[in-house]
Amino acid sequence: MRPSDDPELIAARRNLKAAKLEEYVARVVSKAPALTQEQIDRVSVLLRGGAA
């Protein structure tokens, strides 16, 4: 087993979480009505790690 601070393990966990988030967002977006530009901008800020 790898140590929890192993850079490759950290990267793999981060990539898995990102892939799961991408799948979730794709499912939600496919079922939602079209967003306004203002809504898109707010969601983009959230995805970039800022506060909306």
PDB file of N, CA and C in Angstrom:
ATOM      1  N   MET A   1       0.833  -1.174   0.000  1.00  0.00           N
ATOM      2  CA  MET A   1       0.000   0.000   0.000  1.00  0.00           C
ATOM      3  C   MET A   1       0.886   1.249   0.000  1.00  0.00           C
ATOM      4  N   ARG A   2       0.448   2.242  -0.747  1.00  0.00           N
ATOM      5  CA  ARG A   2       1.220   3.484  -0.836  1.00  0.00           C
ATOM      6  C   ARG A   2       0.940   4.377   0.368  1.00  0.00           C
ATOM      7  N   PRO A   3       1.917   5.177   0.738  1.00  0.00           N
ATOM      8  CA  PRO A   3       1.671   6.145   1.812  1.00  0.00           C
ATOM      9  C   PRO A   3       0.673   7.210   1.331  1.00  0.00           C
ATOM     10  N   SER A   4      -0.077   7.763   2.256  1.00  0.00           N
ATOM     11  CA  SER A   4      -1.129   8.713   1.883  1.00  0.00           C
ATOM     12  C   SER A   4      -0.592   9.997   1.272  1.00  0.00           C
ATOM     13  N   ASP A   5       0.695  10.288   1.458  1.00  0.00           N
ATOM     14  CA  ASP A   5       1.276  11.497   0.875  1.00  0.00           C
ATOM     15  C   ASP A   5       2.018  11.232  -0.435  1.00  0.00           C
ATOM     16  N   ASP A   6       1.844  10.038  -1.001  1.00  0.00           N
ATOM     17  CA  ASP A   6       2.482   9.685  -2.273  1.00  0.00           C
ATOM     18  C   ASP A   6       1.913  10.576  -3.382  1.00  0.00           C
ATOM     19  N   PRO A   7       2.747  11.307  -4.106  1.00  0.00           N
ATOM     20  CA  PRO A   7       2.266  12.227  -5.142  1.00  0.00           C
ATOM     21  C   PRO A   7       1.412  11.551  -6.221  1.00  0.00           C
ATOM     22  N   GLU A   8       1.774  10.348  -6.611  1.00  0.00           N
ATOM     23  CA  GLU A   8       0.988   9.645  -7.627  1.00  0.00           C
ATOM     24  C   GLU A   8      -0.383   9.258  -7.083  1.00  0.00           C
ATOM     25  N   LEU A   9      -0.444   8.848  -5.831  1.00  0.00           N
ATOM     26  CA  LEU A   9      -1.715   8.499  -5.201  1.00  0.00           C
ATOM     27  C   LEU A   9      -2.597   9.740  -5.066  1.00  0.00           C
ATOM     28  N   ILE A  10      -1.999  10.839  -4.651  1.00  0.00           N
ATOM     29  CA  ILE A  10      -2.745  12.090  -4.529  1.00  0.00           C
ATOM     30  C   ILE A  10      -3.311  12.496  -5.887  1.00  0.00           C
ATOM     31  N   ALA A  11      -2.494  12.416  -6.928  1.00  0.00           N
ATOM     32  CA  ALA A  11      -2.943  12.778  -8.284  1.00  0.00           C
ATOM     33  C   ALA A  11      -4.048  11.845  -8.761  1.00  0.00           C
ATOM     34  N   ALA A  12      -3.916  10.567  -8.497  1.00  0.00           N
ATOM     35  CA  ALA A  12      -4.935   9.604  -8.917  1.00  0.00           C
ATOM     36  C   ALA A  12      -6.263   9.873  -8.211  1.00  0.00           C
ATOM     37  N   ARG A  13      -6.216  10.173  -6.931  1.00  0.00           N
ATOM     38  CA  ARG A  13      -7.440  10.484  -6.191  1.00  0.00           C
ATOM     39  C   ARG A  13      -8.085  11.766  -6.725  1.00  0.00           C
ATOM     40  N   ARG A  14      -7.254  12.771  -6.979  1.00  0.00           N
ATOM     41  CA  ARG A  14      -7.764  14.033  -7.519  1.00  0.00           C
ATOM     42  C   ARG A  14      -8.404  13.810  -8.881  1.00  0.00           C
ATOM     43  N   ASN A  15      -7.773  13.022  -9.729  1.00  0.00           N
ATOM     44  CA  ASN A  15      -8.305  12.741 -11.062  1.00  0.00           C
ATOM     45  C   ASN A  15      -9.615  11.956 -10.997  1.00  0.00           C
ATOM     46  N   LEU A  16      -9.711  11.019 -10.067  1.00  0.00           N
ATOM     47  CA  LEU A  16     -10.943  10.259  -9.906  1.00  0.00           C
ATOM     48  C   LEU A  16     -12.083  11.165  -9.449  1.00  0.00           C
ATOM     49  N   LYS A  17     -11.809  12.030  -8.483  1.00  0.00           N
ATOM     50  CA  LYS A  17     -12.839  12.955  -8.018  1.00  0.00           C
ATOM     51  C   LYS A  17     -13.274  13.894  -9.143  1.00  0.00           C
ATOM     52  N   ALA A  18     -12.327  14.364  -9.936  1.00  0.00           N
ATOM     53  CA  ALA A  18     -12.659  15.250 -11.052  1.00  0.00           C
ATOM     54  C   ALA A  18     -13.507  14.521 -12.089  1.00  0.00           C
ATOM     55  N   ALA A  19     -13.190  13.274 -12.367  1.00  0.00           N
ATOM     56  CA  ALA A  19     -13.969  12.493 -13.335  1.00  0.00           C
ATOM     57  C   ALA A  19     -15.392  12.268 -12.834  1.00  0.00           C
ATOM     58  N   LYS A  20     -15.535  11.972 -11.556  1.00  0.00           N
ATOM     59  CA  LYS A  20     -16.872  11.780 -10.979  1.00  0.00           C
ATOM     60  C   LYS A  20     -17.669  13.084 -11.023  1.00  0.00           C
ATOM     61  N   LEU A  21     -17.024  14.192 -10.722  1.00  0.00           N
ATOM     62  CA  LEU A  21     -17.689  15.491 -10.776  1.00  0.00           C
ATOM     63  C   LEU A  21     -18.120  15.807 -12.205  1.00  0.00           C
ATOM     64  N   GLU A  22     -17.253  15.541 -13.158  1.00  0.00           N
ATOM     65  CA  GLU A  22     -17.577  15.788 -14.562  1.00  0.00           C
ATOM     66  C   GLU A  22     -18.793  14.976 -14.998  1.00  0.00           C
ATOM     67  N   GLU A  23     -18.842  13.715 -14.622  1.00  0.00           N
ATOM     68  CA  GLU A  23     -19.992  12.869 -14.963  1.00  0.00           C
ATOM     69  C   GLU A  23     -21.271  13.402 -14.325  1.00  0.00           C
ATOM     70  N   TYR A  24     -21.186  13.824 -13.065  1.00  0.00           N
ATOM     71  CA  TYR A  24     -22.353  14.355 -12.364  1.00  0.00           C
ATOM     72  C   TYR A  24     -22.850  15.635 -13.037  1.00  0.00           C
ATOM     73  N   VAL A  25     -21.937  16.534 -13.317  1.00  0.00           N
ATOM     74  CA  VAL A  25     -22.316  17.799 -13.951  1.00  0.00           C
ATOM     75  C   VAL A  25     -22.938  17.536 -15.315  1.00  0.00           C
ATOM     76  N   ALA A  26     -22.380  16.624 -16.077  1.00  0.00           N
ATOM     77  CA  ALA A  26     -22.938  16.306 -17.395  1.00  0.00           C
ATOM     78  C   ALA A  26     -24.365  15.780 -17.270  1.00  0.00           C
ATOM     79  N   ARG A  27     -24.626  14.939 -16.278  1.00  0.00           N
ATOM     80  CA  ARG A  27     -25.993  14.417 -16.063  1.00  0.00           C
ATOM     81  C   ARG A  27     -26.954  15.541 -15.697  1.00  0.00           C
ATOM     82  N   VAL A  28     -26.535  16.405 -14.779  1.00  0.00           N
ATOM     83  CA  VAL A  28     -27.397  17.503 -14.333  1.00  0.00           C
ATOM     84  C   VAL A  28     -27.670  18.465 -15.479  1.00  0.00           C
ATOM     85  N   VAL A  29     -26.647  18.833 -16.206  1.00  0.00           N
ATOM     86  CA  VAL A  29     -26.796  19.788 -17.303  1.00  0.00           C
ATOM     87  C   VAL A  29     -27.690  19.218 -18.404  1.00  0.00           C
ATOM     88  N   SER A  30     -27.594  17.928 -18.650  1.00  0.00           N
ATOM     89  CA  SER A  30     -28.399  17.334 -19.716  1.00  0.00           C
ATOM     90  C   SER A  30     -29.889  17.352 -19.395  1.00  0.00           C
ATOM     91  N   LYS A  31     -30.232  17.433 -18.105  1.00  0.00           N
ATOM     92  CA  LYS A  31     -31.635  17.423 -17.685  1.00  0.00           C
ATOM     93  C   LYS A  31     -32.169  18.818 -17.376  1.00  0.00           C
ATOM     94  N   ALA A  32     -31.294  19.789 -17.293  1.00  0.00           N
ATOM     95  CA  ALA A  32     -31.687  21.136 -16.875  1.00  0.00           C
ATOM     96  C   ALA A  32     -32.028  22.005 -18.084  1.00  0.00           C
ATOM     97  N   PRO A  33     -32.856  23.021 -17.857  1.00  0.00           N
ATOM     98  CA  PRO A  33     -33.102  23.982 -18.935  1.00  0.00           C
ATOM     99  C   PRO A  33     -31.824  24.788 -19.204  1.00  0.00           C
ATOM    100  N   ALA A  34     -31.791  25.434 -20.332  1.00  0.00           N
ATOM    101  CA  ALA A  34     -30.614  26.234 -20.684  1.00  0.00           C
ATOM    102  C   ALA A  34     -30.386  27.315 -19.627  1.00  0.00           C
ATOM    103  N   LEU A  35     -29.126  27.559 -19.317  1.00  0.00           N
ATOM    104  CA  LEU A  35     -28.770  28.576 -18.336  1.00  0.00           C
ATOM    105  C   LEU A  35     -28.623  29.934 -19.018  1.00  0.00           C
ATOM    106  N   THR A  36     -28.877  30.974 -18.251  1.00  0.00           N
ATOM    107  CA  THR A  36     -28.598  32.316 -18.749  1.00  0.00           C
ATOM    108  C   THR A  36     -27.095  32.542 -18.672  1.00  0.00           C
ATOM    109  N   GLN A  37     -26.607  33.573 -19.339  1.00  0.00           N
ATOM    110  CA  GLN A  37     -25.178  33.870 -19.272  1.00  0.00           C
ATOM    111  C   GLN A  37     -24.757  34.187 -17.842  1.00  0.00           C
ATOM    112  N   GLU A  38     -25.604  34.877 -17.094  1.00  0.00           N
ATOM    113  CA  GLU A  38     -25.288  35.189 -15.696  1.00  0.00           C
ATOM    114  C   GLU A  38     -25.144  33.908 -14.873  1.00  0.00           C
ATOM    115  N   GLN A  39     -26.027  32.941 -15.080  1.00  0.00           N
ATOM    116  CA  GLN A  39     -25.947  31.670 -14.357  1.00  0.00           C
ATOM    117  C   GLN A  39     -24.681  30.906 -14.752  1.00  0.00           C
ATOM    118  N   ILE A  40     -24.363  30.906 -16.019  1.00  0.00           N
ATOM    119  CA  ILE A  40     -23.135  30.244 -16.489  1.00  0.00           C
ATOM    120  C   ILE A  40     -21.918  30.873 -15.832  1.00  0.00           C
ATOM    121  N   ASP A  41     -21.905  32.204 -15.762  1.00  0.00           N
ATOM    122  CA  ASP A  41     -20.776  32.902 -15.140  1.00  0.00           C
ATOM    123  C   ASP A  41     -20.638  32.527 -13.672  1.00  0.00           C
ATOM    124  N   ARG A  42     -21.759  32.448 -12.942  1.00  0.00           N
ATOM    125  CA  ARG A  42     -21.704  32.092 -11.509  1.00  0.00           C
ATOM    126  C   ARG A  42     -21.201  30.665 -11.311  1.00  0.00           C
ATOM    127  N   VAL A  43     -21.680  29.754 -12.125  1.00  0.00           N
ATOM    128  CA  VAL A  43     -21.234  28.357 -12.011  1.00  0.00           C
ATOM    129  C   VAL A  43     -19.753  28.260 -12.378  1.00  0.00           C
ATOM    130  N   SER A  44     -19.334  29.001 -13.378  1.00  0.00           N
ATOM    131  CA  SER A  44     -17.909  29.001 -13.772  1.00  0.00           C
ATOM    132  C   SER A  44     -17.016  29.462 -12.637  1.00  0.00           C
ATOM    133  N   VAL A  45     -17.461  30.485 -11.903  1.00  0.00           N
ATOM    134  CA  VAL A  45     -16.683  30.968 -10.765  1.00  0.00           C
ATOM    135  C   VAL A  45     -16.556  29.856  -9.724  1.00  0.00           C
ATOM    136  N   LEU A  46     -17.628  29.161  -9.461  1.00  0.00           N
ATOM    137  CA  LEU A  46     -17.582  28.064  -8.495  1.00  0.00           C
ATOM    138  C   LEU A  46     -16.606  26.982  -8.921  1.00  0.00           C
ATOM    139  N   LEU A  47     -16.636  26.642 -10.198  1.00  0.00           N
ATOM    140  CA  LEU A  47     -15.749  25.589 -10.691  1.00  0.00           C
ATOM    141  C   LEU A  47     -14.278  26.003 -10.654  1.00  0.00           C
ATOM    142  N   ARG A  48     -14.052  27.290 -10.682  1.00  0.00           N
ATOM    143  CA  ARG A  48     -12.679  27.783 -10.618  1.00  0.00           C
ATOM    144  C   ARG A  48     -12.197  27.976  -9.180  1.00  0.00           C
ATOM    145  N   GLY A  49     -13.076  27.667  -8.222  1.00  0.00           N
ATOM    146  CA  GLY A  49     -12.677  27.725  -6.823  1.00  0.00           C
ATOM    147  C   GLY A  49     -12.990  29.027  -6.136  1.00  0.00           C
ATOM    148  N   GLY A  50     -13.767  29.890  -6.779  1.00  0.00           N
ATOM    149  CA  GLY A  50     -14.123  31.165  -6.158  1.00  0.00           C
ATOM    150  C   GLY A  50     -15.485  31.094  -5.515  1.00  0.00           C
ATOM    151  N   ALA A  51     -15.875  32.192  -4.913  1.00  0.00           N
ATOM    152  CA  ALA A  51     -17.210  32.291  -4.302  1.00  0.00           C
ATOM    153  C   ALA A  51     -18.119  33.041  -5.250  1.00  0.00           C
ATOM    154  N   ALA A  52     -19.326  32.519  -5.420  1.00  0.00           N
ATOM    155  CA  ALA A  52     -20.271  33.162  -6.340  1.00  0.00           C
ATOM    156  C   ALA A  52     -21.087  34.214  -5.636  1.00  0.00           C
TER     157      ALA A  52
END
